[in-house]
Amino acid sequence: MAERTKGQQTEAELKAAARRLLVSRSYAEIKVTDITSEAGKAAGVFYRYFTDKDALLRALAADFDEALHAVVVKHVGEQHTLATVEDVRAHVEAFWTAYERYLPERRGILQASMLSSEFQRFHHGLRDRLVDVWADHIAATPAQADLPADRARMSALAVVCLLESFCYSQFAEDGTAKDAAAAIETLTALIATGLLGTPPRRGGRARARS
């Protein structure tokens, strides 16, 4: 990997500072001076890289969007299906891992979507892409073979909303989930039962994440 230039390093430090602040504070509360103070930079340095804090969040959102696919592929592979409980568990673990790793971005985008139509569109677009993936998987699942396309998409929307809301509740207090394995297994049981009609065997636990 090529060594970062001083400018790239400073930009990365500003992004990292914003991510730290987004874990404990709302997006509306954070000021540019908070970000520069957290990064240990003079206030004017910020504007060499970003026009305002919305521009910084857009940059974080772009980084997140690019990295999300890599996280999913690492957990479920390029050619993944949704035919077994283990398939469901792998997809749940991928979502959980991405949510945890990019919690600051997700919280910032969600909060900004309540203030800005631009971020509202981005948030909806992100959800729509996830729904598309789940809808394709559901439509290809033998247990759902006779499900019309609009119903497959509705089921996918229900799954994605469940994942988003549940993960948000687990990380909302301080950015740390108390029992990740139990949370993943709970989600797996609900989704596998609903989509496959096959609950996990009793006592099953999610695999440890790398």
Protein backbone atom coordinates (compact mmCIF):
# COMPACT_ATOMS: atom_id res chain seq x y z
CA MET A 1 0.00 0.00 0.00
CA ALA A 2 1.36 3.43 -0.95
CA GLU A 3 2.29 5.72 1.91
CA ARG A 4 -0.20 8.52 2.53
CA THR A 5 0.74 12.10 1.72
CA LYS A 6 0.49 14.68 4.49
CA GLY A 7 -2.74 15.97 2.99
CA GLN A 8 -4.27 12.50 2.80
CA GLN A 9 -3.26 11.86 6.40
CA THR A 10 -4.87 15.10 7.57
CA GLU A 11 -8.07 14.31 5.68
CA ALA A 12 -8.13 10.82 7.22
CA GLU A 13 -7.63 12.31 10.70
CA LEU A 14 -10.56 14.70 10.22
CA LYS A 15 -12.76 11.79 9.08
CA ALA A 16 -11.65 9.69 12.04
CA ALA A 17 -12.41 12.55 14.43
CA ALA A 18 -15.90 12.94 12.97
CA ARG A 19 -16.49 9.19 13.30
CA ARG A 20 -15.52 9.28 16.98
CA LEU A 21 -17.88 12.17 17.65
CA LEU A 22 -20.77 10.49 15.81
CA VAL A 23 -20.65 7.56 18.22
CA SER A 24 -21.59 9.67 21.22
CA ARG A 25 -23.20 12.83 19.80
CA SER A 26 -25.93 13.61 17.31
CA TYR A 27 -25.00 14.90 13.89
CA ALA A 28 -26.94 18.13 14.49
CA GLU A 29 -24.91 18.85 17.63
CA ILE A 30 -21.49 18.44 16.04
CA LYS A 31 -19.79 21.59 14.78
CA VAL A 32 -16.80 21.93 12.49
CA THR A 33 -14.78 23.26 15.43
CA ASP A 34 -15.66 20.11 17.40
CA ILE A 35 -14.22 17.99 14.60
CA THR A 36 -11.00 19.99 14.31
CA SER A 37 -10.58 20.05 18.08
CA GLU A 38 -11.08 16.28 18.25
CA ALA A 39 -8.53 15.85 15.45
CA GLY A 40 -6.05 18.22 17.12
CA LYS A 41 -6.10 20.61 14.14
CA ALA A 42 -6.56 24.34 13.73
CA ALA A 43 -10.13 25.26 12.75
CA GLY A 44 -9.10 26.63 9.35
CA VAL A 45 -7.50 23.35 8.31
CA PHE A 46 -10.92 21.76 7.88
CA TYR A 47 -11.84 23.97 4.93
CA ARG A 48 -8.83 22.87 2.92
CA TYR A 49 -10.52 19.48 2.58
CA PHE A 50 -14.28 19.98 3.06
CA THR A 51 -16.65 22.87 2.41
CA ASP A 52 -18.75 22.04 5.47
CA LYS A 53 -19.61 19.11 7.75
CA ASP A 54 -22.16 17.83 5.22
CA ALA A 55 -19.33 17.43 2.71
CA LEU A 56 -17.37 15.43 5.27
CA LEU A 57 -20.37 13.18 5.93
CA ARG A 58 -20.80 12.68 2.18
CA ALA A 59 -17.17 11.55 2.03
CA LEU A 60 -17.73 9.15 4.94
CA ALA A 61 -20.89 7.85 3.27
CA ALA A 62 -19.00 7.21 0.02
CA ASP A 63 -16.28 5.33 1.90
CA PHE A 64 -18.93 3.26 3.67
CA ASP A 65 -20.86 2.48 0.49
CA GLU A 66 -17.68 1.29 -1.24
CA ALA A 67 -16.58 -0.89 1.67
CA LEU A 68 -19.98 -2.46 2.44
CA HIS A 69 -19.86 -4.94 -0.44
CA ALA A 70 -16.40 -6.15 0.61
CA VAL A 71 -17.68 -6.90 4.13
CA VAL A 72 -20.61 -8.92 2.77
CA VAL A 73 -18.46 -10.88 0.31
CA LYS A 74 -15.99 -11.74 3.08
CA HIS A 75 -18.78 -13.33 5.12
CA VAL A 76 -20.97 -14.97 2.49
CA GLY A 77 -18.85 -15.17 -0.67
CA GLU A 78 -19.45 -13.86 -4.17
CA GLN A 79 -21.99 -16.54 -5.12
CA HIS A 80 -24.19 -16.63 -2.06
CA THR A 81 -27.65 -18.09 -1.56
CA LEU A 82 -30.34 -18.09 1.08
CA ALA A 83 -31.41 -21.73 1.11
CA THR A 84 -30.38 -22.90 4.58
CA VAL A 85 -30.26 -21.65 8.15
CA GLU A 86 -26.48 -21.35 7.84
CA ASP A 87 -26.96 -19.12 4.78
CA VAL A 88 -29.30 -16.90 6.78
CA ARG A 89 -26.85 -16.77 9.68
CA ALA A 90 -24.00 -15.77 7.36
CA HIS A 91 -26.06 -12.91 5.92
CA VAL A 92 -27.10 -11.74 9.39
CA GLU A 93 -23.48 -11.83 10.55
CA ALA A 94 -22.42 -9.83 7.49
CA PHE A 95 -25.04 -7.17 8.18
CA TRP A 96 -24.16 -7.06 11.89
CA THR A 97 -20.43 -6.76 11.17
CA ALA A 98 -20.97 -3.97 8.63
CA TYR A 99 -23.33 -2.14 10.97
CA GLU A 100 -20.87 -2.38 13.86
CA ARG A 101 -17.83 -1.41 11.78
CA TYR A 102 -19.58 1.55 10.17
CA LEU A 103 -21.81 2.55 13.09
CA PRO A 104 -20.70 6.23 13.06
CA GLU A 105 -21.52 6.58 9.35
CA ARG A 106 -24.87 4.84 9.69
CA ARG A 107 -25.86 6.97 12.66
CA GLY A 108 -24.70 10.14 10.95
CA ILE A 109 -26.52 9.35 7.70
CA LEU A 110 -29.72 8.41 9.56
CA GLN A 111 -29.66 11.58 11.65
CA ALA A 112 -28.76 13.78 8.67
CA SER A 113 -31.62 12.21 6.68
CA MET A 114 -34.03 13.82 9.15
CA LEU A 115 -32.55 17.25 8.37
CA SER A 116 -31.62 17.05 4.70
CA SER A 117 -33.43 15.77 1.61
CA GLU A 118 -30.03 14.88 0.10
CA PHE A 119 -29.17 12.52 2.94
CA GLN A 120 -32.74 11.25 3.04
CA ARG A 121 -32.31 10.14 -0.59
CA PHE A 122 -28.96 8.56 0.22
CA HIS A 123 -30.42 6.71 3.22
CA HIS A 124 -33.35 5.44 1.16
CA GLY A 125 -31.01 4.43 -1.67
CA LEU A 126 -28.83 2.47 0.72
CA ARG A 127 -31.86 0.65 2.08
CA ASP A 128 -33.23 0.00 -1.41
CA ARG A 129 -29.97 -1.66 -2.47
CA LEU A 130 -30.10 -3.95 0.55
CA VAL A 131 -33.75 -4.75 -0.13
CA ASP A 132 -32.89 -5.59 -3.76
CA VAL A 133 -30.27 -8.10 -2.62
CA TRP A 134 -32.55 -9.76 -0.08
CA ALA A 135 -35.47 -9.81 -2.56
CA ASP A 136 -33.32 -11.62 -5.14
CA HIS A 137 -32.25 -14.17 -2.52
CA ILE A 138 -35.80 -14.69 -1.27
CA ALA A 139 -37.13 -15.19 -4.80
CA ALA A 140 -34.47 -17.86 -5.40
CA THR A 141 -35.17 -19.69 -2.13
CA PRO A 142 -36.96 -23.03 -2.69
CA ALA A 143 -39.27 -22.41 0.26
CA GLN A 144 -40.43 -19.15 -1.38
CA ALA A 145 -40.48 -20.38 -4.99
CA ASP A 146 -44.17 -19.50 -5.53
CA LEU A 147 -43.95 -16.06 -3.96
CA PRO A 148 -44.79 -13.22 -6.40
CA ALA A 149 -42.01 -10.68 -7.00
CA ASP A 150 -43.84 -7.88 -5.16
CA ARG A 151 -44.31 -10.12 -2.12
CA ALA A 152 -40.64 -11.17 -2.21
CA ARG A 153 -39.68 -7.50 -2.14
CA MET A 154 -42.09 -6.81 0.71
CA SER A 155 -40.56 -9.70 2.66
CA ALA A 156 -37.10 -8.33 1.90
CA LEU A 157 -38.12 -4.88 3.16
CA ALA A 158 -39.41 -6.43 6.37
CA VAL A 159 -36.10 -8.29 6.86
CA VAL A 160 -33.97 -5.20 6.22
CA CYS A 161 -36.10 -3.03 8.53
CA LEU A 162 -35.84 -5.70 11.23
CA LEU A 163 -32.05 -5.84 10.86
CA GLU A 164 -31.66 -2.05 10.87
CA SER A 165 -33.95 -1.42 13.83
CA PHE A 166 -32.61 -4.29 15.91
CA CYS A 167 -28.97 -3.36 15.29
CA TYR A 168 -29.69 0.29 16.09
CA SER A 169 -31.26 -0.70 19.40
CA GLN A 170 -28.31 -2.93 20.30
CA PHE A 171 -25.69 -0.23 19.64
CA ALA A 172 -27.73 2.85 20.61
CA GLU A 173 -26.57 3.29 24.20
CA ASP A 174 -22.80 3.53 23.89
CA GLY A 175 -21.91 2.02 20.52
CA THR A 176 -21.24 -1.43 22.00
CA ALA A 177 -23.52 -4.46 21.85
CA LYS A 178 -23.76 -6.46 25.08
CA ASP A 179 -24.06 -9.96 23.55
CA ALA A 180 -23.38 -10.03 19.84
CA ALA A 181 -23.64 -13.82 19.54
CA ALA A 182 -27.08 -13.91 21.16
CA ALA A 183 -28.26 -10.99 19.04
CA ILE A 184 -27.12 -12.62 15.81
CA GLU A 185 -28.72 -15.91 16.78
CA THR A 186 -32.01 -14.18 17.65
CA LEU A 187 -32.13 -12.46 14.27
CA THR A 188 -31.17 -15.70 12.51
CA ALA A 189 -33.97 -17.61 14.25
CA LEU A 190 -36.63 -15.04 13.33
CA ILE A 191 -35.56 -14.67 9.69
CA ALA A 192 -34.89 -18.37 9.06
CA THR A 193 -38.24 -19.34 10.55
CA GLY A 194 -40.07 -16.71 8.51
CA LEU A 195 -38.35 -17.36 5.19
CA LEU A 196 -37.46 -21.04 5.36
CA GLY A 197 -39.90 -22.39 7.90
CA THR A 198 -36.84 -23.89 9.61
CA PRO A 199 -35.76 -22.51 12.97
CA PRO A 200 -32.13 -23.11 14.04
CA ARG A 201 -31.48 -26.07 16.28
CA ARG A 202 -31.82 -25.26 19.94
CA GLY A 203 -28.59 -24.14 21.53
CA GLY A 204 -27.09 -22.93 18.26
CA ARG A 205 -24.82 -19.93 18.51
CA ALA A 206 -23.42 -17.52 16.01
CA ARG A 207 -19.82 -18.04 14.99
CA ALA A 208 -17.20 -15.71 16.39
CA ARG A 209 -16.42 -12.88 13.99
CA SER A 210 -12.87 -12.46 12.73
